[in-house]
Amino acid sequence: MYGDSEVIRAHVGRLREQAGDIRAEADRLVSRNESVLWPGRAAEALRARIRDRAVSLRATAERHDEAADLLERHLVEVERRKEAIAATERRADSLAQEGRLPATTLPSPGRREWLEVEL
């Protein structure tokens, strides 16, 4: 069987969780940065650099969300194809029981080759 839906769902969940963790880290970094009372040009340079890092972290979190979205779309397609395979298998079984299926070699259960079988 191709494409274990539960494994894919777990990956999607982990990517979304990681995105949240990364965003939270960016928020913590910014919060701590704002609480530093150190004055001067060096302090301002440090604050600017930390703000830049937070922007990068948020961009990374966004890429995790985008990857999760793409993987979720893939999951929908996997499930659609698995259902198409199952439907073709059911139709072949029904035709075989009715004696209307010509002698032919059919793919093993769950194989993607079922997508190419014409009944």
PDB file of N, CA and C in Angstrom:
ATOM      1  N   MET A   1       0.853  -1.184   0.000  1.00  0.00           N
ATOM      2  CA  MET A   1       0.000   0.000   0.000  1.00  0.00           C
ATOM      3  C   MET A   1       0.889   1.233   0.000  1.00  0.00           C
ATOM      4  N   TYR A   2       0.475   2.212  -0.761  1.00  0.00           N
ATOM      5  CA  TYR A   2       1.238   3.447  -0.895  1.00  0.00           C
ATOM      6  C   TYR A   2       0.691   4.525   0.038  1.00  0.00           C
ATOM      7  N   GLY A   3       1.550   5.405   0.458  1.00  0.00           N
ATOM      8  CA  GLY A   3       1.136   6.599   1.174  1.00  0.00           C
ATOM      9  C   GLY A   3       0.348   6.343   2.430  1.00  0.00           C
ATOM     10  N   ASP A   4       1.020   6.084   3.520  1.00  0.00           N
ATOM     11  CA  ASP A   4       0.355   5.878   4.804  1.00  0.00           C
ATOM     12  C   ASP A   4      -0.182   7.227   5.291  1.00  0.00           C
ATOM     13  N   SER A   5      -1.490   7.385   5.240  1.00  0.00           N
ATOM     14  CA  SER A   5      -2.130   8.656   5.582  1.00  0.00           C
ATOM     15  C   SER A   5      -1.815   9.109   6.997  1.00  0.00           C
ATOM     16  N   GLU A   6      -1.762   8.195   7.923  1.00  0.00           N
ATOM     17  CA  GLU A   6      -1.491   8.568   9.318  1.00  0.00           C
ATOM     18  C   GLU A   6      -0.066   9.095   9.482  1.00  0.00           C
ATOM     19  N   VAL A   7       0.866   8.508   8.767  1.00  0.00           N
ATOM     20  CA  VAL A   7       2.259   8.987   8.826  1.00  0.00           C
ATOM     21  C   VAL A   7       2.342  10.395   8.240  1.00  0.00           C
ATOM     22  N   ILE A   8       1.662  10.602   7.129  1.00  0.00           N
ATOM     23  CA  ILE A   8       1.674  11.928   6.500  1.00  0.00           C
ATOM     24  C   ILE A   8       1.018  12.948   7.427  1.00  0.00           C
ATOM     25  N   ARG A   9      -0.130  12.585   8.024  1.00  0.00           N
ATOM     26  CA  ARG A   9      -0.796  13.491   8.971  1.00  0.00           C
ATOM     27  C   ARG A   9       0.130  13.844  10.133  1.00  0.00           C
ATOM     28  N   ALA A  10       0.875  12.868  10.619  1.00  0.00           N
ATOM     29  CA  ALA A  10       1.806  13.116  11.725  1.00  0.00           C
ATOM     30  C   ALA A  10       2.890  14.107  11.303  1.00  0.00           C
ATOM     31  N   HIS A  11       3.392  13.965  10.083  1.00  0.00           N
ATOM     32  CA  HIS A  11       4.397  14.915   9.578  1.00  0.00           C
ATOM     33  C   HIS A  11       3.821  16.327   9.490  1.00  0.00           C
ATOM     34  N   VAL A  12       2.597  16.424   9.002  1.00  0.00           N
ATOM     35  CA  VAL A  12       1.935  17.730   8.912  1.00  0.00           C
ATOM     36  C   VAL A  12       1.834  18.349  10.300  1.00  0.00           C
ATOM     37  N   GLY A  13       1.401  17.547  11.262  1.00  0.00           N
ATOM     38  CA  GLY A  13       1.273  18.045  12.633  1.00  0.00           C
ATOM     39  C   GLY A  13       2.595  18.503  13.216  1.00  0.00           C
ATOM     40  N   ARG A  14       3.648  17.726  12.959  1.00  0.00           N
ATOM     41  CA  ARG A  14       4.972  18.108  13.474  1.00  0.00           C
ATOM     42  C   ARG A  14       5.452  19.408  12.839  1.00  0.00           C
ATOM     43  N   LEU A  15       5.237  19.566  11.547  1.00  0.00           N
ATOM     44  CA  LEU A  15       5.647  20.810  10.883  1.00  0.00           C
ATOM     45  C   LEU A  15       4.903  22.008  11.460  1.00  0.00           C
ATOM     46  N   ARG A  16       3.613  21.845  11.686  1.00  0.00           N
ATOM     47  CA  ARG A  16       2.836  22.954  12.258  1.00  0.00           C
ATOM     48  C   ARG A  16       3.275  23.259  13.695  1.00  0.00           C
ATOM     49  N   GLU A  17       3.557  22.218  14.445  1.00  0.00           N
ATOM     50  CA  GLU A  17       4.033  22.403  15.818  1.00  0.00           C
ATOM     51  C   GLU A  17       5.390  23.117  15.828  1.00  0.00           C
ATOM     52  N   GLN A  18       6.269  22.698  14.938  1.00  0.00           N
ATOM     53  CA  GLN A  18       7.573  23.356  14.853  1.00  0.00           C
ATOM     54  C   GLN A  18       7.421  24.822  14.459  1.00  0.00           C
ATOM     55  N   ALA A  19       6.504  25.111  13.553  1.00  0.00           N
ATOM     56  CA  ALA A  19       6.266  26.504  13.159  1.00  0.00           C
ATOM     57  C   ALA A  19       5.839  27.320  14.372  1.00  0.00           C
ATOM     58  N   GLY A  20       4.951  26.766  15.168  1.00  0.00           N
ATOM     59  CA  GLY A  20       4.513  27.455  16.373  1.00  0.00           C
ATOM     60  C   GLY A  20       5.641  27.670  17.362  1.00  0.00           C
ATOM     61  N   ASP A  21       6.466  26.645  17.527  1.00  0.00           N
ATOM     62  CA  ASP A  21       7.614  26.753  18.442  1.00  0.00           C
ATOM     63  C   ASP A  21       8.589  27.835  17.977  1.00  0.00           C
ATOM     64  N   ILE A  22       8.828  27.884  16.682  1.00  0.00           N
ATOM     65  CA  ILE A  22       9.763  28.874  16.131  1.00  0.00           C
ATOM     66  C   ILE A  22       9.202  30.283  16.319  1.00  0.00           C
ATOM     67  N   ARG A  23       7.902  30.446  16.068  1.00  0.00           N
ATOM     68  CA  ARG A  23       7.276  31.764  16.287  1.00  0.00           C
ATOM     69  C   ARG A  23       7.362  32.176  17.759  1.00  0.00           C
ATOM     70  N   ALA A  24       7.109  31.229  18.641  1.00  0.00           N
ATOM     71  CA  ALA A  24       7.173  31.522  20.077  1.00  0.00           C
ATOM     72  C   ALA A  24       8.593  31.930  20.471  1.00  0.00           C
ATOM     73  N   GLU A  25       9.571  31.278  19.889  1.00  0.00           N
ATOM     74  CA  GLU A  25      10.962  31.636  20.181  1.00  0.00           C
ATOM     75  C   GLU A  25      11.261  33.047  19.684  1.00  0.00           C
ATOM     76  N   ALA A  26      10.755  33.397  18.522  1.00  0.00           N
ATOM     77  CA  ALA A  26      10.945  34.761  18.004  1.00  0.00           C
ATOM     78  C   ALA A  26      10.296  35.772  18.943  1.00  0.00           C
ATOM     79  N   ASP A  27       9.107  35.453  19.426  1.00  0.00           N
ATOM     80  CA  ASP A  27       8.411  36.353  20.353  1.00  0.00           C
ATOM     81  C   ASP A  27       9.200  36.514  21.659  1.00  0.00           C
ATOM     82  N   ARG A  28       9.713  35.398  22.194  1.00  0.00           N
ATOM     83  CA  ARG A  28      10.523  35.459  23.426  1.00  0.00           C
ATOM     84  C   ARG A  28      11.774  36.306  23.212  1.00  0.00           C
ATOM     85  N   LEU A  29      12.399  36.110  22.072  1.00  0.00           N
ATOM     86  CA  LEU A  29      13.615  36.853  21.760  1.00  0.00           C
ATOM     87  C   LEU A  29      13.337  38.357  21.706  1.00  0.00           C
ATOM     88  N   VAL A  30      12.271  38.738  21.036  1.00  0.00           N
ATOM     89  CA  VAL A  30      11.907  40.146  20.929  1.00  0.00           C
ATOM     90  C   VAL A  30      11.547  40.708  22.304  1.00  0.00           C
ATOM     91  N   SER A  31      10.801  39.950  23.081  1.00  0.00           N
ATOM     92  CA  SER A  31      10.400  40.403  24.417  1.00  0.00           C
ATOM     93  C   SER A  31      11.613  40.643  25.312  1.00  0.00           C
ATOM     94  N   ARG A  32      12.528  39.701  25.297  1.00  0.00           N
ATOM     95  CA  ARG A  32      13.748  39.851  26.105  1.00  0.00           C
ATOM     96  C   ARG A  32      14.580  41.026  25.609  1.00  0.00           C
ATOM     97  N   ASN A  33      14.619  41.176  24.303  1.00  0.00           N
ATOM     98  CA  ASN A  33      15.382  42.257  23.693  1.00  0.00           C
ATOM     99  C   ASN A  33      14.841  43.614  24.148  1.00  0.00           C
ATOM    100  N   GLU A  34      13.525  43.734  24.178  1.00  0.00           N
ATOM    101  CA  GLU A  34      12.912  44.997  24.573  1.00  0.00           C
ATOM    102  C   GLU A  34      13.099  45.303  26.055  1.00  0.00           C
ATOM    103  N   SER A  35      13.330  44.268  26.845  1.00  0.00           N
ATOM    104  CA  SER A  35      13.470  44.485  28.289  1.00  0.00           C
ATOM    105  C   SER A  35      14.897  44.862  28.698  1.00  0.00           C
ATOM    106  N   VAL A  36      15.835  44.815  27.773  1.00  0.00           N
ATOM    107  CA  VAL A  36      17.227  45.184  28.078  1.00  0.00           C
ATOM    108  C   VAL A  36      17.322  46.707  28.168  1.00  0.00           C
ATOM    109  N   LEU A  37      17.823  47.188  29.271  1.00  0.00           N
ATOM    110  CA  LEU A  37      17.888  48.631  29.501  1.00  0.00           C
ATOM    111  C   LEU A  37      19.268  49.215  29.208  1.00  0.00           C
ATOM    112  N   TRP A  38      20.121  48.435  28.646  1.00  0.00           N
ATOM    113  CA  TRP A  38      21.485  48.845  28.326  1.00  0.00           C
ATOM    114  C   TRP A  38      21.442  49.948  27.271  1.00  0.00           C
ATOM    115  N   PRO A  39      22.000  51.123  27.554  1.00  0.00           N
ATOM    116  CA  PRO A  39      21.968  52.223  26.583  1.00  0.00           C
ATOM    117  C   PRO A  39      23.201  52.221  25.682  1.00  0.00           C
ATOM    118  N   GLY A  40      23.126  52.952  24.614  1.00  0.00           N
ATOM    119  CA  GLY A  40      24.297  53.171  23.764  1.00  0.00           C
ATOM    120  C   GLY A  40      24.148  52.589  22.377  1.00  0.00           C
ATOM    121  N   ARG A  41      25.165  52.920  21.543  1.00  0.00           N
ATOM    122  CA  ARG A  41      25.151  52.452  20.149  1.00  0.00           C
ATOM    123  C   ARG A  41      25.283  50.940  20.057  1.00  0.00           C
ATOM    124  N   ALA A  42      26.114  50.366  20.918  1.00  0.00           N
ATOM    125  CA  ALA A  42      26.278  48.912  20.885  1.00  0.00           C
ATOM    126  C   ALA A  42      24.956  48.222  21.241  1.00  0.00           C
ATOM    127  N   ALA A  43      24.254  48.767  22.212  1.00  0.00           N
ATOM    128  CA  ALA A  43      22.964  48.199  22.604  1.00  0.00           C
ATOM    129  C   ALA A  43      21.968  48.303  21.450  1.00  0.00           C
ATOM    130  N   GLU A  44      21.949  49.443  20.791  1.00  0.00           N
ATOM    131  CA  GLU A  44      21.039  49.619  19.660  1.00  0.00           C
ATOM    132  C   GLU A  44      21.389  48.660  18.519  1.00  0.00           C
ATOM    133  N   ALA A  45      22.676  48.469  18.290  1.00  0.00           N
ATOM    134  CA  ALA A  45      23.108  47.526  17.248  1.00  0.00           C
ATOM    135  C   ALA A  45      22.665  46.109  17.603  1.00  0.00           C
ATOM    136  N   LEU A  46      22.813  45.753  18.874  1.00  0.00           N
ATOM    137  CA  LEU A  46      22.373  44.432  19.322  1.00  0.00           C
ATOM    138  C   LEU A  46      20.866  44.286  19.154  1.00  0.00           C
ATOM    139  N   ARG A  47      20.120  45.289  19.551  1.00  0.00           N
ATOM    140  CA  ARG A  47      18.657  45.230  19.423  1.00  0.00           C
ATOM    141  C   ARG A  47      18.244  45.079  17.949  1.00  0.00           C
ATOM    142  N   ALA A  48      18.906  45.826  17.080  1.00  0.00           N
ATOM    143  CA  ALA A  48      18.591  45.736  15.648  1.00  0.00           C
ATOM    144  C   ALA A  48      18.893  44.333  15.120  1.00  0.00           C
ATOM    145  N   ARG A  49      20.009  43.788  15.555  1.00  0.00           N
ATOM    146  CA  ARG A  49      20.373  42.441  15.096  1.00  0.00           C
ATOM    147  C   ARG A  49      19.373  41.402  15.608  1.00  0.00           C
ATOM    148  N   ILE A  50      18.933  41.555  16.824  1.00  0.00           N
ATOM    149  CA  ILE A  50      17.959  40.613  17.376  1.00  0.00           C
ATOM    150  C   ILE A  50      16.620  40.753  16.658  1.00  0.00           C
ATOM    151  N   ARG A  51      16.220  41.978  16.352  1.00  0.00           N
ATOM    152  CA  ARG A  51      14.979  42.164  15.581  1.00  0.00           C
ATOM    153  C   ARG A  51      15.086  41.463  14.222  1.00  0.00           C
ATOM    154  N   ASP A  52      16.252  41.582  13.582  1.00  0.00           N
ATOM    155  CA  ASP A  52      16.473  40.906  12.294  1.00  0.00           C
ATOM    156  C   ASP A  52      16.379  39.389  12.445  1.00  0.00           C
ATOM    157  N   ARG A  53      16.946  38.882  13.538  1.00  0.00           N
ATOM    158  CA  ARG A  53      16.888  37.432  13.787  1.00  0.00           C
ATOM    159  C   ARG A  53      15.446  36.983  13.979  1.00  0.00           C
ATOM    160  N   ALA A  54      14.674  37.793  14.685  1.00  0.00           N
ATOM    161  CA  ALA A  54      13.269  37.448  14.907  1.00  0.00           C
ATOM    162  C   ALA A  54      12.513  37.411  13.583  1.00  0.00           C
ATOM    163  N   VAL A  55      12.813  38.359  12.698  1.00  0.00           N
ATOM    164  CA  VAL A  55      12.185  38.361  11.370  1.00  0.00           C
ATOM    165  C   VAL A  55      12.554  37.073  10.633  1.00  0.00           C
ATOM    166  N   SER A  56      13.808  36.677  10.707  1.00  0.00           N
ATOM    167  CA  SER A  56      14.248  35.433  10.048  1.00  0.00           C
ATOM    168  C   SER A  56      13.555  34.217  10.647  1.00  0.00           C
ATOM    169  N   LEU A  57      13.420  34.204  11.966  1.00  0.00           N
ATOM    170  CA  LEU A  57      12.730  33.083  12.612  1.00  0.00           C
ATOM    171  C   LEU A  57      11.278  33.005  12.153  1.00  0.00           C
ATOM    172  N   ARG A  58      10.622  34.142  12.073  1.00  0.00           N
ATOM    173  CA  ARG A  58       9.220  34.140  11.631  1.00  0.00           C
ATOM    174  C   ARG A  58       9.103  33.690  10.169  1.00  0.00           C
ATOM    175  N   ALA A  59      10.072  34.063   9.359  1.00  0.00           N
ATOM    176  CA  ALA A  59      10.066  33.606   7.961  1.00  0.00           C
ATOM    177  C   ALA A  59      10.255  32.088   7.901  1.00  0.00           C
ATOM    178  N   THR A  60      11.104  31.562   8.770  1.00  0.00           N
ATOM    179  CA  THR A  60      11.301  30.114   8.833  1.00  0.00           C
ATOM    180  C   THR A  60      10.023  29.426   9.274  1.00  0.00           C
ATOM    181  N   ALA A  61       9.332  30.005  10.237  1.00  0.00           N
ATOM    182  CA  ALA A  61       8.065  29.437  10.685  1.00  0.00           C
ATOM    183  C   ALA A  61       7.053  29.438   9.538  1.00  0.00           C
ATOM    184  N   GLU A  62       7.038  30.497   8.768  1.00  0.00           N
ATOM    185  CA  GLU A  62       6.133  30.576   7.620  1.00  0.00           C
ATOM    186  C   GLU A  62       6.452  29.476   6.604  1.00  0.00           C
ATOM    187  N   ARG A  63       7.724  29.212   6.380  1.00  0.00           N
ATOM    188  CA  ARG A  63       8.104  28.136   5.445  1.00  0.00           C
ATOM    189  C   ARG A  63       7.660  26.777   5.980  1.00  0.00           C
ATOM    190  N   HIS A  64       7.714  26.595   7.301  1.00  0.00           N
ATOM    191  CA  HIS A  64       7.207  25.348   7.890  1.00  0.00           C
ATOM    192  C   HIS A  64       5.703  25.221   7.624  1.00  0.00           C
ATOM    193  N   ASP A  65       4.979  26.318   7.797  1.00  0.00           N
ATOM    194  CA  ASP A  65       3.535  26.288   7.527  1.00  0.00           C
ATOM    195  C   ASP A  65       3.263  25.984   6.061  1.00  0.00           C
ATOM    196  N   GLU A  66       4.030  26.584   5.177  1.00  0.00           N
ATOM    197  CA  GLU A  66       3.854  26.326   3.745  1.00  0.00           C
ATOM    198  C   GLU A  66       4.134  24.862   3.425  1.00  0.00           C
ATOM    199  N   ALA A  67       5.181  24.305   4.026  1.00  0.00           N
ATOM    200  CA  ALA A  67       5.499  22.887   3.811  1.00  0.00           C
ATOM    201  C   ALA A  67       4.362  22.008   4.329  1.00  0.00           C
ATOM    202  N   ALA A  68       3.799  22.368   5.474  1.00  0.00           N
ATOM    203  CA  ALA A  68       2.679  21.601   6.025  1.00  0.00           C
ATOM    204  C   ALA A  68       1.474  21.676   5.087  1.00  0.00           C
ATOM    205  N   ASP A  69       1.219  22.855   4.534  1.00  0.00           N
ATOM    206  CA  ASP A  69       0.104  23.012   3.593  1.00  0.00           C
ATOM    207  C   ASP A  69       0.305  22.133   2.355  1.00  0.00           C
ATOM    208  N   LEU A  70       1.525  22.142   1.821  1.00  0.00           N
ATOM    209  CA  LEU A  70       1.817  21.319   0.642  1.00  0.00           C
ATOM    210  C   LEU A  70       1.684  19.834   0.960  1.00  0.00           C
ATOM    211  N   LEU A  71       2.178  19.432   2.111  1.00  0.00           N
ATOM    212  CA  LEU A  71       2.083  18.031   2.508  1.00  0.00           C
ATOM    213  C   LEU A  71       0.632  17.632   2.734  1.00  0.00           C
ATOM    214  N   GLU A  72      -0.161  18.553   3.256  1.00  0.00           N
ATOM    215  CA  GLU A  72      -1.576  18.275   3.449  1.00  0.00           C
ATOM    216  C   GLU A  72      -2.286  18.105   2.098  1.00  0.00           C
ATOM    217  N   ARG A  73      -1.928  18.931   1.121  1.00  0.00           N
ATOM    218  CA  ARG A  73      -2.499  18.765  -0.229  1.00  0.00           C
ATOM    219  C   ARG A  73      -2.093  17.413  -0.818  1.00  0.00           C
ATOM    220  N   HIS A  74      -0.847  17.033  -0.562  1.00  0.00           N
ATOM    221  CA  HIS A  74      -0.376  15.720  -1.016  1.00  0.00           C
ATOM    222  C   HIS A  74      -1.213  14.615  -0.360  1.00  0.00           C
ATOM    223  N   LEU A  75      -1.487  14.772   0.916  1.00  0.00           N
ATOM    224  CA  LEU A  75      -2.289  13.785   1.639  1.00  0.00           C
ATOM    225  C   LEU A  75      -3.670  13.630   1.004  1.00  0.00           C
ATOM    226  N   VAL A  76      -4.294  14.731   0.640  1.00  0.00           N
ATOM    227  CA  VAL A  76      -5.603  14.674  -0.007  1.00  0.00           C
ATOM    228  C   VAL A  76      -5.510  13.875  -1.309  1.00  0.00           C
ATOM    229  N   GLU A  77      -4.451  14.114  -2.073  1.00  0.00           N
ATOM    230  CA  GLU A  77      -4.280  13.385  -3.335  1.00  0.00           C
ATOM    231  C   GLU A  77      -4.002  11.907  -3.089  1.00  0.00           C
ATOM    232  N   VAL A  78      -3.196  11.591  -2.094  1.00  0.00           N
ATOM    233  CA  VAL A  78      -2.928  10.185  -1.749  1.00  0.00           C
ATOM    234  C   VAL A  78      -4.237   9.492  -1.402  1.00  0.00           C
ATOM    235  N   GLU A  79      -5.041  10.132  -0.555  1.00  0.00           N
ATOM    236  CA  GLU A  79      -6.303   9.520  -0.144  1.00  0.00           C
ATOM    237  C   GLU A  79      -7.262   9.380  -1.328  1.00  0.00           C
ATOM    238  N   ARG A  80      -7.264  10.362  -2.225  1.00  0.00           N
ATOM    239  CA  ARG A  80      -8.113  10.267  -3.413  1.00  0.00           C
ATOM    240  C   ARG A  80      -7.710   9.072  -4.270  1.00  0.00           C
ATOM    241  N   ARG A  81      -6.424   8.908  -4.458  1.00  0.00           N
ATOM    242  CA  ARG A  81      -5.954   7.793  -5.284  1.00  0.00           C
ATOM    243  C   ARG A  81      -6.189   6.446  -4.608  1.00  0.00           C
ATOM    244  N   LYS A  82      -6.005   6.393  -3.293  1.00  0.00           N
ATOM    245  CA  LYS A  82      -6.268   5.136  -2.580  1.00  0.00           C
ATOM    246  C   LYS A  82      -7.737   4.755  -2.711  1.00  0.00           C
ATOM    247  N   GLU A  83      -8.620   5.735  -2.636  1.00  0.00           N
ATOM    248  CA  GLU A  83     -10.054   5.459  -2.800  1.00  0.00           C
ATOM    249  C   GLU A  83     -10.355   5.013  -4.229  1.00  0.00           C
ATOM    250  N   ALA A  84      -9.695   5.631  -5.210  1.00  0.00           N
ATOM    251  CA  ALA A  84      -9.894   5.213  -6.607  1.00  0.00           C
ATOM    252  C   ALA A  84      -9.425   3.770  -6.803  1.00  0.00           C
ATOM    253  N   ILE A  85      -8.320   3.410  -6.184  1.00  0.00           N
ATOM    254  CA  ILE A  85      -7.823   2.031  -6.261  1.00  0.00           C
ATOM    255  C   ILE A  85      -8.849   1.080  -5.644  1.00  0.00           C
ATOM    256  N   ALA A  86      -9.319   1.439  -4.445  1.00  0.00           N
ATOM    257  CA  ALA A  86     -10.289   0.585  -3.749  1.00  0.00           C
ATOM    258  C   ALA A  86     -11.578   0.442  -4.556  1.00  0.00           C
ATOM    259  N   ALA A  87     -12.033   1.521  -5.168  1.00  0.00           N
ATOM    260  CA  ALA A  87     -13.261   1.469  -5.968  1.00  0.00           C
ATOM    261  C   ALA A  87     -13.085   0.548  -7.174  1.00  0.00           C
ATOM    262  N   THR A  88     -11.954   0.629  -7.827  1.00  0.00           N
ATOM    263  CA  THR A  88     -11.695  -0.236  -8.988  1.00  0.00           C
ATOM    264  C   THR A  88     -11.606  -1.688  -8.541  1.00  0.00           C
ATOM    265  N   GLU A  89     -10.960  -1.924  -7.403  1.00  0.00           N
ATOM    266  CA  GLU A  89     -10.892  -3.296  -6.874  1.00  0.00           C
ATOM    267  C   GLU A  89     -12.288  -3.830  -6.583  1.00  0.00           C
ATOM    268  N   ARG A  90     -13.146  -3.005  -5.965  1.00  0.00           N
ATOM    269  CA  ARG A  90     -14.519  -3.444  -5.652  1.00  0.00           C
ATOM    270  C   ARG A  90     -15.288  -3.759  -6.932  1.00  0.00           C
ATOM    271  N   ARG A  91     -15.115  -2.901  -7.933  1.00  0.00           N
ATOM    272  CA  ARG A  91     -15.804  -3.116  -9.217  1.00  0.00           C
ATOM    273  C   ARG A  91     -15.324  -4.414  -9.865  1.00  0.00           C
ATOM    274  N   ALA A  92     -14.031  -4.656  -9.838  1.00  0.00           N
ATOM    275  CA  ALA A  92     -13.484  -5.894 -10.421  1.00  0.00           C
ATOM    276  C   ALA A  92     -14.012  -7.106  -9.670  1.00  0.00           C
ATOM    277  N   ASP A  93     -14.083  -7.018  -8.366  1.00  0.00           N
ATOM    278  CA  ASP A  93     -14.591  -8.133  -7.553  1.00  0.00           C
ATOM    279  C   ASP A  93     -16.056  -8.404  -7.895  1.00  0.00           C
ATOM    280  N   SER A  94     -16.821  -7.339  -8.033  1.00  0.00           N
ATOM    281  CA  SER A  94     -18.233  -7.479  -8.371  1.00  0.00           C
ATOM    282  C   SER A  94     -18.402  -8.125  -9.748  1.00  0.00           C
ATOM    283  N   LEU A  95     -17.630  -7.654 -10.717  1.00  0.00           N
ATOM    284  CA  LEU A  95     -17.694  -8.237 -12.062  1.00  0.00           C
ATOM    285  C   LEU A  95     -17.256  -9.703 -12.054  1.00  0.00           C
ATOM    286  N   ALA A  96     -16.248 -10.023 -11.266  1.00  0.00           N
ATOM    287  CA  ALA A  96     -15.773 -11.407 -11.186  1.00  0.00           C
ATOM    288  C   ALA A  96     -16.855 -12.303 -10.590  1.00  0.00           C
ATOM    289  N   GLN A  97     -17.546 -11.826  -9.563  1.00  0.00           N
ATOM    290  CA  GLN A  97     -18.609 -12.619  -8.934  1.00  0.00           C
ATOM    291  C   GLN A  97     -19.788 -12.823  -9.874  1.00  0.00           C
ATOM    292  N   GLU A  98     -20.005 -11.870 -10.746  1.00  0.00           N
ATOM    293  CA  GLU A  98     -21.087 -11.984 -11.735  1.00  0.00           C
ATOM    294  C   GLU A  98     -20.653 -12.786 -12.956  1.00  0.00           C
ATOM    295  N   GLY A  99     -19.385 -13.156 -13.015  1.00  0.00           N
ATOM    296  CA  GLY A  99     -18.876 -13.899 -14.155  1.00  0.00           C
ATOM    297  C   GLY A  99     -18.685 -13.040 -15.390  1.00  0.00           C
ATOM    298  N   ARG A 100     -18.610 -11.720 -15.209  1.00  0.00           N
ATOM    299  CA  ARG A 100     -18.482 -10.803 -16.340  1.00  0.00           C
ATOM    300  C   ARG A 100     -17.072 -10.257 -16.501  1.00  0.00           C
ATOM    301  N   LEU A 101     -16.142 -10.750 -15.729  1.00  0.00           N
ATOM    302  CA  LEU A 101     -14.757 -10.266 -15.825  1.00  0.00           C
ATOM    303  C   LEU A 101     -13.972 -11.252 -16.668  1.00  0.00           C
ATOM    304  N   PRO A 102     -13.450 -10.804 -17.802  1.00  0.00           N
ATOM    305  CA  PRO A 102     -12.671 -11.717 -18.639  1.00  0.00           C
ATOM    306  C   PRO A 102     -11.426 -12.200 -17.890  1.00  0.00           C
ATOM    307  N   ALA A 103     -10.961 -13.353 -18.287  1.00  0.00           N
ATOM    308  CA  ALA A 103      -9.757 -13.900 -17.655  1.00  0.00           C
ATOM    309  C   ALA A 103      -8.596 -12.937 -17.909  1.00  0.00           C
ATOM    310  N   THR A 104      -8.090 -12.381 -16.849  1.00  0.00           N
ATOM    311  CA  THR A 104      -6.994 -11.420 -16.958  1.00  0.00           C
ATOM    312  C   THR A 104      -6.218 -11.427 -15.651  1.00  0.00           C
ATOM    313  N   THR A 105      -5.033 -10.964 -15.735  1.00  0.00           N
ATOM    314  CA  THR A 105      -4.229 -10.852 -14.531  1.00  0.00           C
ATOM    315  C   THR A 105      -4.407  -9.446 -13.969  1.00  0.00           C
ATOM    316  N   LEU A 106      -4.900  -9.388 -12.761  1.00  0.00           N
ATOM    317  CA  LEU A 106      -5.131  -8.098 -12.115  1.00  0.00           C
ATOM    318  C   LEU A 106      -4.018  -7.810 -11.120  1.00  0.00           C
ATOM    319  N   PRO A 107      -3.788  -6.550 -10.836  1.00  0.00           N
ATOM    320  CA  PRO A 107      -2.743  -6.195  -9.868  1.00  0.00           C
ATOM    321  C   PRO A 107      -3.071  -6.723  -8.467  1.00  0.00           C
ATOM    322  N   SER A 108      -2.062  -6.787  -7.657  1.00  0.00           N
ATOM    323  CA  SER A 108      -2.258  -7.167  -6.260  1.00  0.00           C
ATOM    324  C   SER A 108      -3.078  -6.080  -5.569  1.00  0.00           C
ATOM    325  N   PRO A 109      -3.796  -6.437  -4.503  1.00  0.00           N
ATOM    326  CA  PRO A 109      -4.607  -5.446  -3.785  1.00  0.00           C
ATOM    327  C   PRO A 109      -3.779  -4.227  -3.345  1.00  0.00           C
ATOM    328  N   GLY A 110      -4.375  -3.054  -3.552  1.00  0.00           N
ATOM    329  CA  GLY A 110      -3.751  -1.819  -3.095  1.00  0.00           C
ATOM    330  C   GLY A 110      -2.673  -1.247  -4.002  1.00  0.00           C
ATOM    331  N   ARG A 111      -2.323  -1.943  -5.051  1.00  0.00           N
ATOM    332  CA  ARG A 111      -1.241  -1.468  -5.923  1.00  0.00           C
ATOM    333  C   ARG A 111      -1.720  -0.322  -6.810  1.00  0.00           C
ATOM    334  N   ARG A 112      -0.816   0.603  -7.117  1.00  0.00           N
ATOM    335  CA  ARG A 112      -1.188   1.753  -7.941  1.00  0.00           C
ATOM    336  C   ARG A 112      -1.559   1.359  -9.370  1.00  0.00           C
ATOM    337  N   GLU A 113      -1.164   0.177  -9.795  1.00  0.00           N
ATOM    338  CA  GLU A 113      -1.505  -0.283 -11.134  1.00  0.00           C
ATOM    339  C   GLU A 113      -3.016  -0.373 -11.333  1.00  0.00           C
ATOM    340  N   TRP A 114      -3.764  -0.460 -10.238  1.00  0.00           N
ATOM    341  CA  TRP A 114      -5.229  -0.477 -10.331  1.00  0.00           C
ATOM    342  C   TRP A 114      -5.756   0.803 -10.972  1.00  0.00           C
ATOM    343  N   LEU A 115      -5.000   1.886 -10.870  1.00  0.00           N
ATOM    344  CA  LEU A 115      -5.431   3.138 -11.466  1.00  0.00           C
ATOM    345  C   LEU A 115      -5.465   3.068 -12.993  1.00  0.00           C
ATOM    346  N   GLU A 116      -4.766   2.089 -13.565  1.00  0.00           N
ATOM    347  CA  GLU A 116      -4.698   1.951 -15.015  1.00  0.00           C
ATOM    348  C   GLU A 116      -5.604   0.852 -15.551  1.00  0.00           C
ATOM    349  N   VAL A 117      -6.276   0.121 -14.637  1.00  0.00           N
ATOM    350  CA  VAL A 117      -7.156  -0.984 -15.048  1.00  0.00           C
ATOM    351  C   VAL A 117      -8.459  -0.408 -15.586  1.00  0.00           C
ATOM    352  N   GLU A 118      -8.856  -0.868 -16.763  1.00  0.00           N
ATOM    353  CA  GLU A 118     -10.134  -0.462 -17.345  1.00  0.00           C
ATOM    354  C   GLU A 118     -11.067  -1.639 -17.309  1.00  0.00           C
ATOM    355  N   LEU A 119     -12.222  -1.418 -16.706  1.00  0.00           N
ATOM    356  CA  LEU A 119     -13.215  -2.504 -16.585  1.00  0.00           C
ATOM    357  C   LEU A 119     -14.442  -2.210 -17.417  1.00  0.00           C
TER     358      LEU A 119
END
